[in-house]
C-alpha cells in the first residue's frame, strides 16, 4: 500500500486531514454554535411525563444548574419570565413559549400559580403570558444539562 494515500481513497492523507479540520465543531445531538446555541447552557427538565428546555445565559443560574446536576443544591425549580416563541434556536420545541434566558433562576419553592405541565401552559398560553407571566413547575426534575459556553 502506498503510504501517501489513506487506503480508502486516492486522495493524500494530508488533504483528507485538512478537510476534516475545516468541519465546524458540533455536538452529537446536533447542537452547537452552528445552530445558534452558544454562550450558555441548555437544561432539559421533566415534569411528570412531559419535557421542556430552558436556555440559560445568566452565570449565577448556570452555576445553580451545575450544582443541581452534581447533587449539591435543592433548588430544583426553574423559575423565570415566560416569553412567546420557542426561544433561541427553537430550543424549547415543540412548545411555542420559553423562559427568558437572562432572568431565569432556580428556586427551592415558588408560588403555586406559576406551576403546571408544559402542555397546560401551551393550551392556555395567552392567559399565561398576560396574567401569570412566569413559569415555575414544582415537580420539575433536571434530566440533562448541555454546556455551550
Foldseek 3Di string as FASTA:
>chain_A
DDQQPPVVDPDGPVVVVVVVVPDDDADPVRDAVVLFQAQFKKWWKDDPNDIFIATANAPVQRVVVVCVVVVNDLQQWKKAFKDAACDGSSRGPPARIYGDRHGIHTGNDDDPVQADDSVVCRVVVVCCVPPVGMHTHNRIDTDDMGGRD
